[in-house]
């Protein structure tokens, strides 16, 4: 059973998230919060596998809450709820350790897939979110990030590039192991090498690099 905490300052959004997730027998919402500070407290109390956070909340926002949760409860993955036009927030959340991003306007099945991916310690980027982040990086920095990503990817071994491509698709270590016929411990070592080689703080950031370099399109894990 995947245990989750949901935080959003809009009751209607929380109700919608709850309605979607409770249709899946493998997911249980153990607590709800209407601000980031309360979300931090609830995560520290319940120790869920996933914290689902709105990016913008009063008092303590989702970005601050995500960073504090990752610092104090590293076993909890953070999934951010976002809307179009919040690209800068998404980039900051990536640096803060968020593992996934979904649009509030996205299809219900995407939210369920994202929760399951983050619970499995994989990264999940809504394809539309990933595309906007890449477009934002390219347009604001004249393509420098795309070029740098390709250069960093070129320094990886063939096997590491294969692993990066699968990270870009949102696969967990176990799923990558199945795809490449490797043991999970070997995949974990490759993932660590990929993150170090790219200078990426987490799997979600590596997934963006994979997308920038044309290696993998984030998608629903299988």
N, C-alpha and C. Protein backbone atom coordinates (compact mmCIF):
# COMPACT_ATOMS: atom_id res chain seq x y z
N UNK A 1 0.84 -1.20 0.00
CA UNK A 1 0.00 0.00 0.00
C UNK A 1 0.88 1.25 0.00
N UNK A 2 0.61 2.17 -0.91
CA UNK A 2 1.34 3.44 -0.98
C UNK A 2 0.60 4.47 -0.12
N UNK A 3 1.29 5.00 0.87
CA UNK A 3 0.70 5.98 1.77
C UNK A 3 1.13 7.37 1.33
N UNK A 4 0.18 8.29 1.24
CA UNK A 4 0.46 9.62 0.71
C UNK A 4 -0.14 10.71 1.59
N UNK A 5 0.55 11.85 1.63
CA UNK A 5 0.03 13.08 2.23
C UNK A 5 -0.20 14.08 1.10
N UNK A 6 -1.34 14.75 1.13
CA UNK A 6 -1.70 15.73 0.09
C UNK A 6 -1.76 17.12 0.71
N UNK A 7 -1.12 18.10 0.05
CA UNK A 7 -1.14 19.47 0.55
C UNK A 7 -1.49 20.44 -0.57
N UNK A 8 -2.58 21.17 -0.39
CA UNK A 8 -3.00 22.22 -1.32
C UNK A 8 -3.92 23.16 -0.55
N UNK A 9 -3.77 24.45 -0.78
CA UNK A 9 -4.59 25.40 -0.01
C UNK A 9 -6.01 25.53 -0.54
N UNK A 10 -6.30 24.88 -1.67
CA UNK A 10 -7.65 24.93 -2.22
C UNK A 10 -8.38 23.63 -1.91
N UNK A 11 -9.43 23.69 -1.08
CA UNK A 11 -10.16 22.47 -0.70
C UNK A 11 -10.67 21.68 -1.90
N UNK A 12 -11.08 22.38 -2.95
CA UNK A 12 -11.61 21.68 -4.12
C UNK A 12 -10.53 20.86 -4.82
N UNK A 13 -9.31 21.41 -4.87
CA UNK A 13 -8.21 20.66 -5.48
C UNK A 13 -7.88 19.44 -4.64
N UNK A 14 -7.83 19.61 -3.32
CA UNK A 14 -7.55 18.47 -2.46
C UNK A 14 -8.61 17.38 -2.64
N UNK A 15 -9.87 17.80 -2.73
CA UNK A 15 -10.95 16.84 -2.92
C UNK A 15 -10.79 16.10 -4.24
N UNK A 16 -10.37 16.82 -5.27
CA UNK A 16 -10.17 16.20 -6.58
C UNK A 16 -9.04 15.19 -6.56
N UNK A 17 -7.93 15.56 -5.91
CA UNK A 17 -6.80 14.64 -5.79
C UNK A 17 -7.21 13.39 -5.02
N UNK A 18 -7.92 13.60 -3.92
CA UNK A 18 -8.39 12.48 -3.11
C UNK A 18 -9.32 11.57 -3.92
N UNK A 19 -10.23 12.17 -4.68
CA UNK A 19 -11.18 11.39 -5.47
C UNK A 19 -10.47 10.54 -6.51
N UNK A 20 -9.43 11.11 -7.12
CA UNK A 20 -8.69 10.36 -8.14
C UNK A 20 -7.89 9.22 -7.51
N UNK A 21 -7.15 9.54 -6.47
CA UNK A 21 -6.23 8.54 -5.91
C UNK A 21 -6.96 7.41 -5.20
N UNK A 22 -8.11 7.70 -4.61
CA UNK A 22 -8.82 6.64 -3.89
C UNK A 22 -9.51 5.66 -4.84
N UNK A 23 -9.46 5.92 -6.14
CA UNK A 23 -9.98 4.93 -7.09
C UNK A 23 -8.98 3.78 -7.27
N UNK A 24 -7.74 3.98 -6.80
CA UNK A 24 -6.72 2.94 -6.91
C UNK A 24 -6.55 2.26 -5.56
N UNK A 25 -6.73 0.97 -5.53
CA UNK A 25 -6.69 0.23 -4.27
C UNK A 25 -5.30 0.20 -3.64
N UNK A 26 -4.27 0.57 -4.41
CA UNK A 26 -2.90 0.52 -3.89
C UNK A 26 -2.47 1.82 -3.23
N UNK A 27 -3.35 2.84 -3.23
CA UNK A 27 -2.97 4.15 -2.70
C UNK A 27 -3.90 4.54 -1.56
N UNK A 28 -3.31 5.02 -0.47
CA UNK A 28 -4.07 5.48 0.68
C UNK A 28 -3.61 6.89 1.07
N UNK A 29 -4.54 7.82 1.17
CA UNK A 29 -4.21 9.16 1.65
C UNK A 29 -4.33 9.15 3.16
N UNK A 30 -3.21 9.36 3.83
CA UNK A 30 -3.19 9.26 5.29
C UNK A 30 -3.43 10.60 5.98
N UNK A 31 -3.23 11.72 5.25
CA UNK A 31 -3.44 13.04 5.84
C UNK A 31 -3.50 14.09 4.75
N UNK A 32 -4.15 15.22 5.06
CA UNK A 32 -4.25 16.35 4.13
C UNK A 32 -3.85 17.63 4.85
N UNK A 33 -3.25 18.55 4.10
CA UNK A 33 -2.82 19.83 4.66
C UNK A 33 -3.23 20.96 3.74
N UNK A 34 -3.38 22.15 4.31
CA UNK A 34 -3.73 23.31 3.49
C UNK A 34 -2.60 24.34 3.41
N UNK A 35 -1.43 24.01 3.95
CA UNK A 35 -0.26 24.87 3.78
C UNK A 35 1.00 24.03 3.94
N UNK A 36 2.12 24.60 3.54
CA UNK A 36 3.37 23.84 3.53
C UNK A 36 3.86 23.44 4.91
N UNK A 37 3.70 24.30 5.91
CA UNK A 37 4.17 23.99 7.25
C UNK A 37 3.43 22.78 7.82
N UNK A 38 2.13 22.78 7.60
CA UNK A 38 1.33 21.65 8.07
C UNK A 38 1.72 20.38 7.33
N UNK A 39 2.03 20.51 6.03
CA UNK A 39 2.45 19.34 5.26
C UNK A 39 3.73 18.75 5.82
N UNK A 40 4.68 19.60 6.17
CA UNK A 40 5.94 19.13 6.75
C UNK A 40 5.67 18.35 8.03
N UNK A 41 4.84 18.93 8.89
CA UNK A 41 4.52 18.28 10.17
C UNK A 41 3.87 16.92 9.96
N UNK A 42 2.93 16.87 9.00
CA UNK A 42 2.21 15.62 8.76
C UNK A 42 3.11 14.55 8.16
N UNK A 43 4.01 14.96 7.28
CA UNK A 43 4.95 14.00 6.70
C UNK A 43 5.88 13.46 7.78
N UNK A 44 6.36 14.34 8.64
CA UNK A 44 7.25 13.89 9.72
C UNK A 44 6.52 12.95 10.67
N UNK A 45 5.22 13.15 10.83
CA UNK A 45 4.43 12.31 11.74
C UNK A 45 4.09 10.96 11.10
N UNK A 46 3.64 10.98 9.84
CA UNK A 46 3.13 9.76 9.21
C UNK A 46 4.17 8.99 8.39
N UNK A 47 5.25 9.65 7.98
CA UNK A 47 6.29 9.02 7.18
C UNK A 47 5.73 8.30 5.94
N UNK A 48 4.98 9.01 5.10
CA UNK A 48 4.41 8.36 3.90
C UNK A 48 5.48 8.13 2.84
N UNK A 49 5.14 7.32 1.85
CA UNK A 49 6.07 7.15 0.72
C UNK A 49 6.09 8.36 -0.19
N UNK A 50 4.94 9.08 -0.26
CA UNK A 50 4.84 10.21 -1.19
C UNK A 50 4.17 11.40 -0.51
N UNK A 51 4.73 12.59 -0.75
CA UNK A 51 4.08 13.84 -0.35
C UNK A 51 3.71 14.57 -1.64
N UNK A 52 2.42 14.89 -1.79
CA UNK A 52 1.92 15.56 -2.99
C UNK A 52 1.67 17.02 -2.61
N UNK A 53 2.46 17.93 -3.18
CA UNK A 53 2.47 19.32 -2.75
C UNK A 53 2.11 20.28 -3.87
N UNK A 54 1.23 21.21 -3.57
CA UNK A 54 1.00 22.33 -4.47
C UNK A 54 2.24 23.23 -4.41
N UNK A 55 2.65 23.78 -5.53
CA UNK A 55 3.83 24.63 -5.53
C UNK A 55 3.58 25.93 -4.76
N UNK A 56 2.44 26.57 -5.01
CA UNK A 56 2.17 27.86 -4.38
C UNK A 56 1.12 27.71 -3.29
N UNK A 57 1.55 27.93 -2.05
CA UNK A 57 0.64 27.90 -0.91
C UNK A 57 1.01 29.07 0.02
N UNK A 58 0.05 29.55 0.82
CA UNK A 58 0.35 30.67 1.72
C UNK A 58 1.30 30.25 2.83
N UNK A 59 1.91 31.25 3.48
CA UNK A 59 2.84 31.03 4.58
C UNK A 59 4.05 30.24 4.07
N UNK A 60 4.05 28.94 4.23
CA UNK A 60 5.15 28.10 3.74
C UNK A 60 4.73 27.48 2.41
N UNK A 61 5.44 27.82 1.32
CA UNK A 61 5.02 27.31 0.01
C UNK A 61 5.54 25.90 -0.22
N UNK A 62 5.11 25.33 -1.34
CA UNK A 62 5.46 23.96 -1.65
C UNK A 62 6.95 23.75 -1.88
N UNK A 63 7.64 24.76 -2.42
CA UNK A 63 9.07 24.65 -2.65
C UNK A 63 9.83 24.52 -1.34
N UNK A 64 9.48 25.36 -0.37
CA UNK A 64 10.11 25.31 0.94
C UNK A 64 9.79 23.98 1.63
N UNK A 65 8.53 23.58 1.54
CA UNK A 65 8.11 22.33 2.16
C UNK A 65 8.83 21.14 1.54
N UNK A 66 8.99 21.14 0.20
CA UNK A 66 9.67 20.04 -0.47
C UNK A 66 11.10 19.89 0.01
N UNK A 67 11.81 21.01 0.09
CA UNK A 67 13.20 20.97 0.54
C UNK A 67 13.31 20.48 1.98
N UNK A 68 12.41 20.91 2.85
CA UNK A 68 12.44 20.50 4.25
C UNK A 68 12.08 19.03 4.40
N UNK A 69 11.12 18.58 3.62
CA UNK A 69 10.74 17.16 3.67
C UNK A 69 11.89 16.28 3.19
N UNK A 70 12.53 16.67 2.11
CA UNK A 70 13.65 15.87 1.61
C UNK A 70 14.81 15.87 2.61
N UNK A 71 14.96 16.96 3.37
CA UNK A 71 16.05 17.03 4.35
C UNK A 71 15.76 16.19 5.58
N UNK A 72 14.52 16.25 6.06
CA UNK A 72 14.19 15.62 7.34
C UNK A 72 13.58 14.22 7.20
N UNK A 73 12.93 13.95 6.07
CA UNK A 73 12.33 12.63 5.84
C UNK A 73 12.74 12.15 4.44
N UNK A 74 14.01 11.81 4.26
CA UNK A 74 14.49 11.47 2.91
C UNK A 74 13.82 10.27 2.29
N UNK A 75 13.15 9.45 3.09
CA UNK A 75 12.45 8.30 2.53
C UNK A 75 11.15 8.64 1.85
N UNK A 76 10.70 9.89 2.00
CA UNK A 76 9.46 10.34 1.36
C UNK A 76 9.77 11.05 0.05
N UNK A 77 9.20 10.57 -1.05
CA UNK A 77 9.37 11.23 -2.33
C UNK A 77 8.38 12.38 -2.46
N UNK A 78 8.77 13.42 -3.17
CA UNK A 78 7.93 14.61 -3.31
C UNK A 78 7.42 14.73 -4.75
N UNK A 79 6.11 14.83 -4.87
CA UNK A 79 5.45 15.03 -6.15
C UNK A 79 4.80 16.40 -6.13
N UNK A 80 5.15 17.26 -7.08
CA UNK A 80 4.65 18.62 -7.11
C UNK A 80 3.45 18.74 -8.06
N UNK A 81 2.42 19.44 -7.59
CA UNK A 81 1.28 19.80 -8.43
C UNK A 81 1.53 21.19 -8.99
N UNK A 82 1.42 21.34 -10.29
CA UNK A 82 1.74 22.61 -10.91
C UNK A 82 0.71 22.99 -11.96
N UNK A 83 0.79 24.22 -12.41
CA UNK A 83 -0.06 24.71 -13.50
C UNK A 83 0.84 25.31 -14.56
N UNK A 84 0.30 25.55 -15.75
CA UNK A 84 1.08 26.22 -16.78
C UNK A 84 1.51 27.60 -16.29
N UNK A 85 2.71 28.02 -16.70
CA UNK A 85 3.19 29.33 -16.33
C UNK A 85 4.02 29.33 -15.07
N UNK A 86 4.32 28.14 -14.51
CA UNK A 86 5.12 28.07 -13.30
C UNK A 86 6.48 27.42 -13.56
N UNK A 87 7.03 27.67 -14.75
CA UNK A 87 8.27 27.02 -15.14
C UNK A 87 9.42 27.32 -14.18
N UNK A 88 9.54 28.59 -13.75
CA UNK A 88 10.62 28.96 -12.84
C UNK A 88 10.50 28.19 -11.52
N UNK A 89 9.27 28.02 -11.05
CA UNK A 89 9.06 27.26 -9.82
C UNK A 89 9.49 25.82 -10.00
N UNK A 90 9.20 25.26 -11.17
CA UNK A 90 9.55 23.87 -11.43
C UNK A 90 11.06 23.69 -11.40
N UNK A 91 11.79 24.61 -11.99
CA UNK A 91 13.25 24.52 -11.99
C UNK A 91 13.78 24.59 -10.57
N UNK A 92 13.21 25.44 -9.75
CA UNK A 92 13.63 25.55 -8.35
C UNK A 92 13.29 24.27 -7.59
N UNK A 93 12.14 23.70 -7.87
CA UNK A 93 11.73 22.47 -7.19
C UNK A 93 12.65 21.31 -7.56
N UNK A 94 13.10 21.26 -8.81
CA UNK A 94 14.05 20.23 -9.22
C UNK A 94 15.31 20.31 -8.37
N UNK A 95 15.80 21.52 -8.19
CA UNK A 95 17.01 21.72 -7.39
C UNK A 95 16.77 21.35 -5.93
N UNK A 96 15.52 21.51 -5.48
CA UNK A 96 15.18 21.21 -4.09
C UNK A 96 14.92 19.75 -3.81
N UNK A 97 14.96 18.91 -4.83
CA UNK A 97 14.84 17.48 -4.61
C UNK A 97 13.50 16.87 -4.95
N UNK A 98 12.61 17.60 -5.60
CA UNK A 98 11.33 17.01 -6.00
C UNK A 98 11.58 15.89 -7.01
N UNK A 99 10.77 14.83 -6.91
CA UNK A 99 10.95 13.67 -7.79
C UNK A 99 9.96 13.62 -8.94
N UNK A 100 8.89 14.43 -8.88
CA UNK A 100 7.90 14.36 -9.94
C UNK A 100 7.10 15.63 -10.05
N UNK A 101 6.51 15.83 -11.24
CA UNK A 101 5.70 17.01 -11.52
C UNK A 101 4.51 16.60 -12.38
N UNK A 102 3.32 16.98 -11.95
CA UNK A 102 2.13 16.75 -12.76
C UNK A 102 1.31 18.03 -12.81
N UNK A 103 0.61 18.21 -13.92
CA UNK A 103 -0.26 19.36 -14.07
C UNK A 103 -1.60 19.11 -13.37
N UNK A 104 -2.12 20.13 -12.71
CA UNK A 104 -3.43 20.00 -12.08
C UNK A 104 -4.51 19.73 -13.12
N UNK A 105 -4.28 20.18 -14.34
CA UNK A 105 -5.26 19.98 -15.40
C UNK A 105 -5.03 18.69 -16.19
N UNK A 106 -4.07 17.87 -15.73
CA UNK A 106 -3.75 16.65 -16.46
C UNK A 106 -4.77 15.55 -16.25
N UNK A 107 -4.66 14.48 -17.00
CA UNK A 107 -5.60 13.35 -16.88
C UNK A 107 -5.42 12.64 -15.54
N UNK A 108 -6.51 12.12 -14.97
CA UNK A 108 -6.42 11.43 -13.67
C UNK A 108 -5.41 10.29 -13.65
N UNK A 109 -5.33 9.53 -14.72
CA UNK A 109 -4.42 8.39 -14.73
C UNK A 109 -2.97 8.82 -14.62
N UNK A 110 -2.67 10.05 -15.05
CA UNK A 110 -1.31 10.56 -14.94
C UNK A 110 -0.94 10.79 -13.47
N UNK A 111 -1.86 11.30 -12.69
CA UNK A 111 -1.61 11.51 -11.27
C UNK A 111 -1.34 10.19 -10.57
N UNK A 112 -2.13 9.18 -10.87
CA UNK A 112 -1.94 7.86 -10.26
C UNK A 112 -0.58 7.30 -10.66
N UNK A 113 -0.24 7.39 -11.94
CA UNK A 113 1.05 6.88 -12.42
C UNK A 113 2.21 7.61 -11.74
N UNK A 114 2.05 8.92 -11.56
CA UNK A 114 3.11 9.71 -10.93
C UNK A 114 3.32 9.31 -9.48
N UNK A 115 2.24 9.12 -8.74
CA UNK A 115 2.36 8.70 -7.34
C UNK A 115 3.07 7.37 -7.25
N UNK A 116 2.72 6.43 -8.12
CA UNK A 116 3.34 5.11 -8.08
C UNK A 116 4.82 5.18 -8.47
N UNK A 117 5.15 6.03 -9.43
CA UNK A 117 6.55 6.16 -9.83
C UNK A 117 7.39 6.76 -8.71
N UNK A 118 6.89 7.82 -8.09
CA UNK A 118 7.63 8.47 -7.01
C UNK A 118 7.75 7.52 -5.81
N UNK A 119 6.71 6.76 -5.53
CA UNK A 119 6.77 5.78 -4.43
C UNK A 119 7.82 4.72 -4.70
N UNK A 120 8.06 4.40 -5.97
CA UNK A 120 9.06 3.41 -6.35
C UNK A 120 10.45 4.03 -6.47
N UNK A 121 10.58 5.29 -6.01
CA UNK A 121 11.84 6.03 -6.03
C UNK A 121 12.32 6.31 -7.45
N UNK A 122 11.36 6.43 -8.36
CA UNK A 122 11.67 6.83 -9.73
C UNK A 122 11.29 8.30 -9.90
N UNK A 123 11.61 8.86 -11.04
CA UNK A 123 11.21 10.24 -11.36
C UNK A 123 10.01 10.20 -12.29
N UNK A 124 9.11 11.16 -12.14
CA UNK A 124 7.99 11.26 -13.07
C UNK A 124 7.81 12.72 -13.47
N UNK A 125 7.94 12.97 -14.76
CA UNK A 125 7.69 14.30 -15.30
C UNK A 125 6.56 14.18 -16.30
N UNK A 126 5.46 14.88 -16.04
CA UNK A 126 4.42 14.95 -17.05
C UNK A 126 5.05 15.39 -18.36
N UNK A 127 4.79 14.69 -19.46
CA UNK A 127 5.41 15.08 -20.74
C UNK A 127 5.21 16.56 -21.07
N UNK A 128 4.04 17.09 -20.74
CA UNK A 128 3.81 18.51 -21.03
C UNK A 128 4.64 19.40 -20.13
N UNK A 129 4.86 18.98 -18.89
CA UNK A 129 5.71 19.75 -17.98
C UNK A 129 7.15 19.72 -18.48
N UNK A 130 7.63 18.52 -18.83
CA UNK A 130 9.01 18.38 -19.30
C UNK A 130 9.25 19.22 -20.54
N UNK A 131 8.31 19.19 -21.46
CA UNK A 131 8.47 19.97 -22.69
C UNK A 131 8.57 21.46 -22.40
N UNK A 132 7.76 21.94 -21.44
CA UNK A 132 7.79 23.37 -21.10
C UNK A 132 9.09 23.74 -20.40
N UNK A 133 9.59 22.85 -19.54
CA UNK A 133 10.85 23.14 -18.86
C UNK A 133 11.99 23.24 -19.87
N UNK A 134 12.04 22.28 -20.79
CA UNK A 134 13.09 22.30 -21.81
C UNK A 134 12.96 23.55 -22.68
N UNK A 135 11.74 23.89 -23.08
CA UNK A 135 11.54 25.08 -23.90
C UNK A 135 11.96 26.33 -23.14
N UNK A 136 11.65 26.36 -21.84
CA UNK A 136 11.99 27.52 -21.02
C UNK A 136 13.51 27.67 -20.92
N UNK A 137 14.19 26.56 -20.67
CA UNK A 137 15.65 26.61 -20.58
C UNK A 137 16.27 27.08 -21.88
N UNK A 138 15.75 26.53 -22.98
CA UNK A 138 16.32 26.86 -24.28
C UNK A 138 16.07 28.32 -24.65
N UNK A 139 14.85 28.80 -24.40
CA UNK A 139 14.51 30.15 -24.81
C UNK A 139 15.18 31.20 -23.94
N UNK A 140 15.37 30.90 -22.65
CA UNK A 140 15.94 31.92 -21.76
C UNK A 140 17.45 31.90 -21.74
N UNK A 141 18.06 30.79 -22.20
CA UNK A 141 19.51 30.71 -22.15
C UNK A 141 20.11 30.40 -23.52
N UNK A 142 19.34 30.69 -24.55
CA UNK A 142 19.83 30.61 -25.93
C UNK A 142 20.41 29.24 -26.29
N UNK A 143 19.80 28.20 -25.76
CA UNK A 143 20.23 26.87 -26.12
C UNK A 143 21.45 26.36 -25.39
N UNK A 144 22.00 27.17 -24.45
CA UNK A 144 23.23 26.75 -23.77
C UNK A 144 23.00 25.48 -22.98
N UNK A 145 21.88 25.36 -22.33
CA UNK A 145 21.61 24.18 -21.52
C UNK A 145 21.51 22.92 -22.37
N UNK A 146 20.88 23.05 -23.53
CA UNK A 146 20.77 21.90 -24.42
C UNK A 146 22.16 21.45 -24.87
N UNK A 147 22.99 22.40 -25.25
CA UNK A 147 24.35 22.06 -25.68
C UNK A 147 25.14 21.44 -24.54
N UNK A 148 25.03 22.04 -23.34
CA UNK A 148 25.76 21.52 -22.19
C UNK A 148 25.28 20.12 -21.84
N UNK A 149 23.97 19.89 -21.94
CA UNK A 149 23.42 18.57 -21.63
C UNK A 149 24.00 17.53 -22.57
N UNK A 150 24.05 17.85 -23.86
CA UNK A 150 24.61 16.91 -24.82
C UNK A 150 26.08 16.64 -24.55
N UNK A 151 26.80 17.68 -24.15
CA UNK A 151 28.21 17.50 -23.85
C UNK A 151 28.39 16.60 -22.64
N UNK A 152 27.57 16.81 -21.61
CA UNK A 152 27.67 15.98 -20.41
C UNK A 152 27.28 14.53 -20.71
N UNK A 153 26.25 14.36 -21.52
CA UNK A 153 25.82 13.01 -21.88
C UNK A 153 26.92 12.29 -22.65
N UNK A 154 27.64 13.01 -23.47
CA UNK A 154 28.70 12.41 -24.28
C UNK A 154 29.83 11.84 -23.43
N UNK A 155 29.96 12.30 -22.19
CA UNK A 155 31.02 11.79 -21.32
C UNK A 155 30.63 10.48 -20.64
N UNK A 156 29.36 10.10 -20.74
CA UNK A 156 28.90 8.87 -20.10
C UNK A 156 29.29 7.65 -20.94
N UNK A 157 29.36 6.50 -20.29
CA UNK A 157 29.58 5.25 -21.03
C UNK A 157 28.30 4.86 -21.77
N UNK A 158 28.41 3.91 -22.67
CA UNK A 158 27.23 3.46 -23.41
C UNK A 158 26.16 2.95 -22.45
N UNK A 159 26.57 2.16 -21.46
CA UNK A 159 25.61 1.62 -20.50
C UNK A 159 24.96 2.74 -19.69
N UNK A 160 25.74 3.73 -19.30
CA UNK A 160 25.19 4.85 -18.53
C UNK A 160 24.19 5.65 -19.37
N UNK A 161 24.45 5.78 -20.66
CA UNK A 161 23.50 6.47 -21.53
C UNK A 161 22.20 5.66 -21.65
N UNK A 162 22.32 4.34 -21.69
CA UNK A 162 21.11 3.51 -21.70
C UNK A 162 20.30 3.73 -20.42
N UNK A 163 20.99 3.76 -19.30
CA UNK A 163 20.32 3.98 -18.02
C UNK A 163 19.67 5.37 -17.98
N UNK A 164 20.38 6.37 -18.50
CA UNK A 164 19.84 7.73 -18.52
C UNK A 164 18.58 7.79 -19.37
N UNK A 165 18.58 7.12 -20.51
CA UNK A 165 17.40 7.12 -21.37
C UNK A 165 16.20 6.55 -20.64
N UNK A 166 16.42 5.50 -19.85
CA UNK A 166 15.32 4.88 -19.10
C UNK A 166 14.90 5.74 -17.92
N UNK A 167 15.86 6.46 -17.32
CA UNK A 167 15.50 7.44 -16.30
C UNK A 167 14.58 8.50 -16.91
N UNK A 168 14.90 8.90 -18.14
CA UNK A 168 14.08 9.90 -18.82
C UNK A 168 12.67 9.44 -19.09
N UNK A 169 12.47 8.12 -19.14
CA UNK A 169 11.13 7.56 -19.31
C UNK A 169 10.41 7.36 -17.99
N UNK A 170 11.10 7.68 -16.89
CA UNK A 170 10.47 7.59 -15.58
C UNK A 170 10.51 6.22 -14.95
N UNK A 171 11.45 5.36 -15.36
CA UNK A 171 11.51 4.01 -14.83
C UNK A 171 12.25 3.98 -13.50
N UNK A 172 11.84 3.07 -12.63
CA UNK A 172 12.52 2.84 -11.36
C UNK A 172 13.73 1.95 -11.58
N UNK A 173 14.57 1.79 -10.55
CA UNK A 173 15.74 0.91 -10.67
C UNK A 173 15.32 -0.51 -11.02
N UNK A 174 14.25 -0.98 -10.42
CA UNK A 174 13.79 -2.35 -10.69
C UNK A 174 13.36 -2.49 -12.14
N UNK A 175 12.64 -1.49 -12.66
CA UNK A 175 12.20 -1.55 -14.04
C UNK A 175 13.37 -1.46 -15.01
N UNK A 176 14.36 -0.62 -14.67
CA UNK A 176 15.55 -0.51 -15.51
C UNK A 176 16.30 -1.83 -15.52
N UNK A 177 16.38 -2.47 -14.36
CA UNK A 177 17.07 -3.77 -14.28
C UNK A 177 16.42 -4.79 -15.20
N UNK A 178 15.08 -4.79 -15.23
CA UNK A 178 14.38 -5.72 -16.13
C UNK A 178 14.65 -5.38 -17.59
N UNK A 179 14.62 -4.10 -17.91
CA UNK A 179 14.82 -3.68 -19.30
C UNK A 179 16.22 -4.07 -19.80
N UNK A 180 17.22 -3.94 -18.93
CA UNK A 180 18.61 -4.15 -19.35
C UNK A 180 19.17 -5.51 -18.91
N UNK A 181 18.33 -6.33 -18.28
CA UNK A 181 18.76 -7.65 -17.80
C UNK A 181 19.96 -7.53 -16.86
N UNK A 182 19.83 -6.63 -15.90
CA UNK A 182 20.86 -6.41 -14.89
C UNK A 182 20.27 -6.66 -13.51
N UNK A 183 21.15 -6.83 -12.52
CA UNK A 183 20.66 -6.92 -11.15
C UNK A 183 20.43 -5.49 -10.65
N UNK A 184 19.52 -5.35 -9.70
CA UNK A 184 19.13 -4.01 -9.25
C UNK A 184 20.30 -3.24 -8.63
N UNK A 185 21.19 -3.95 -7.93
CA UNK A 185 22.33 -3.29 -7.32
C UNK A 185 23.25 -2.66 -8.37
N UNK A 186 23.40 -3.34 -9.50
CA UNK A 186 24.22 -2.78 -10.58
C UNK A 186 23.58 -1.54 -11.16
N UNK A 187 22.26 -1.57 -11.32
CA UNK A 187 21.55 -0.40 -11.83
C UNK A 187 21.72 0.78 -10.88
N UNK A 188 21.62 0.51 -9.58
CA UNK A 188 21.79 1.58 -8.59
C UNK A 188 23.16 2.24 -8.74
N UNK A 189 24.20 1.43 -8.96
CA UNK A 189 25.54 1.98 -9.14
C UNK A 189 25.62 2.81 -10.41
N UNK A 190 24.98 2.33 -11.50
CA UNK A 190 24.97 3.09 -12.75
C UNK A 190 24.23 4.42 -12.57
N UNK A 191 23.11 4.40 -11.87
CA UNK A 191 22.34 5.63 -11.64
C UNK A 191 23.20 6.64 -10.88
N UNK A 192 23.90 6.19 -9.87
CA UNK A 192 24.77 7.08 -9.10
C UNK A 192 25.85 7.68 -9.99
N UNK A 193 26.41 6.85 -10.87
CA UNK A 193 27.45 7.33 -11.79
C UNK A 193 26.87 8.35 -12.78
N UNK A 194 25.65 8.10 -13.24
CA UNK A 194 24.99 9.03 -14.17
C UNK A 194 24.76 10.38 -13.49
N UNK A 195 24.22 10.36 -12.29
CA UNK A 195 23.96 11.62 -11.57
C UNK A 195 25.26 12.39 -11.34
N UNK A 196 26.32 11.66 -10.95
CA UNK A 196 27.60 12.32 -10.71
C UNK A 196 28.17 12.89 -12.01
N UNK A 197 28.07 12.10 -13.09
CA UNK A 197 28.61 12.55 -14.37
C UNK A 197 27.90 13.76 -14.93
N UNK A 198 26.59 13.84 -14.68
CA UNK A 198 25.80 14.96 -15.19
C UNK A 198 25.82 16.15 -14.25
N UNK A 199 26.21 15.91 -13.01
CA UNK A 199 26.10 16.97 -12.01
C UNK A 199 24.65 17.23 -11.66
N UNK A 200 23.81 16.19 -11.78
CA UNK A 200 22.37 16.32 -11.52
C UNK A 200 22.08 16.00 -10.06
N UNK A 201 21.27 16.81 -9.37
CA UNK A 201 21.01 16.58 -7.95
C UNK A 201 20.12 15.38 -7.68
N UNK A 202 19.32 14.96 -8.65
CA UNK A 202 18.38 13.87 -8.43
C UNK A 202 17.92 13.29 -9.76
N UNK A 203 17.10 12.24 -9.68
CA UNK A 203 16.64 11.55 -10.88
C UNK A 203 15.77 12.44 -11.76
N UNK A 204 14.97 13.30 -11.15
CA UNK A 204 14.11 14.17 -11.94
C UNK A 204 14.94 15.13 -12.79
N UNK A 205 15.99 15.67 -12.20
CA UNK A 205 16.87 16.56 -12.96
C UNK A 205 17.56 15.79 -14.09
N UNK A 206 17.96 14.55 -13.80
CA UNK A 206 18.58 13.72 -14.84
C UNK A 206 17.58 13.44 -15.97
N UNK A 207 16.30 13.27 -15.61
CA UNK A 207 15.28 13.03 -16.63
C UNK A 207 15.15 14.23 -17.56
N UNK A 208 15.27 15.43 -16.99
CA UNK A 208 15.21 16.64 -17.83
C UNK A 208 16.41 16.67 -18.78
N UNK A 209 17.59 16.31 -18.28
CA UNK A 209 18.78 16.27 -19.14
C UNK A 209 18.58 15.25 -20.26
N UNK A 210 18.02 14.09 -19.91
CA UNK A 210 17.76 13.08 -20.94
C UNK A 210 16.83 13.63 -22.01
N UNK A 211 15.80 14.35 -21.55
CA UNK A 211 14.84 14.93 -22.49
C UNK A 211 15.53 15.98 -23.36
N UNK A 212 16.38 16.81 -22.75
CA UNK A 212 17.10 17.84 -23.51
C UNK A 212 18.00 17.22 -24.57
N UNK A 213 18.62 16.10 -24.21
CA UNK A 213 19.57 15.48 -25.12
C UNK A 213 18.91 14.52 -26.11
N UNK A 214 17.58 14.41 -26.03
CA UNK A 214 16.86 13.56 -26.96
C UNK A 214 16.96 12.07 -26.68
N UNK A 215 17.29 11.72 -25.42
CA UNK A 215 17.47 10.31 -25.08
C UNK A 215 16.20 9.64 -24.61
N UNK A 216 15.35 10.37 -23.92
CA UNK A 216 14.16 9.74 -23.36
C UNK A 216 13.04 10.73 -23.17
N UNK A 217 11.84 10.33 -23.46
CA UNK A 217 10.68 11.16 -23.23
C UNK A 217 9.95 10.65 -22.00
N UNK A 218 9.84 11.49 -20.94
CA UNK A 218 9.13 11.03 -19.74
C UNK A 218 7.75 10.53 -20.09
N UNK A 219 7.41 9.39 -19.56
CA UNK A 219 6.12 8.80 -19.88
C UNK A 219 5.63 7.98 -18.70
N UNK A 220 4.43 7.44 -18.84
CA UNK A 220 3.89 6.62 -17.79
C UNK A 220 4.73 5.38 -17.60
N UNK A 221 5.25 5.12 -16.38
CA UNK A 221 6.06 3.93 -16.16
C UNK A 221 5.25 2.68 -16.45
N UNK A 222 5.95 1.61 -16.86
CA UNK A 222 5.25 0.35 -17.09
C UNK A 222 5.94 -0.76 -16.33
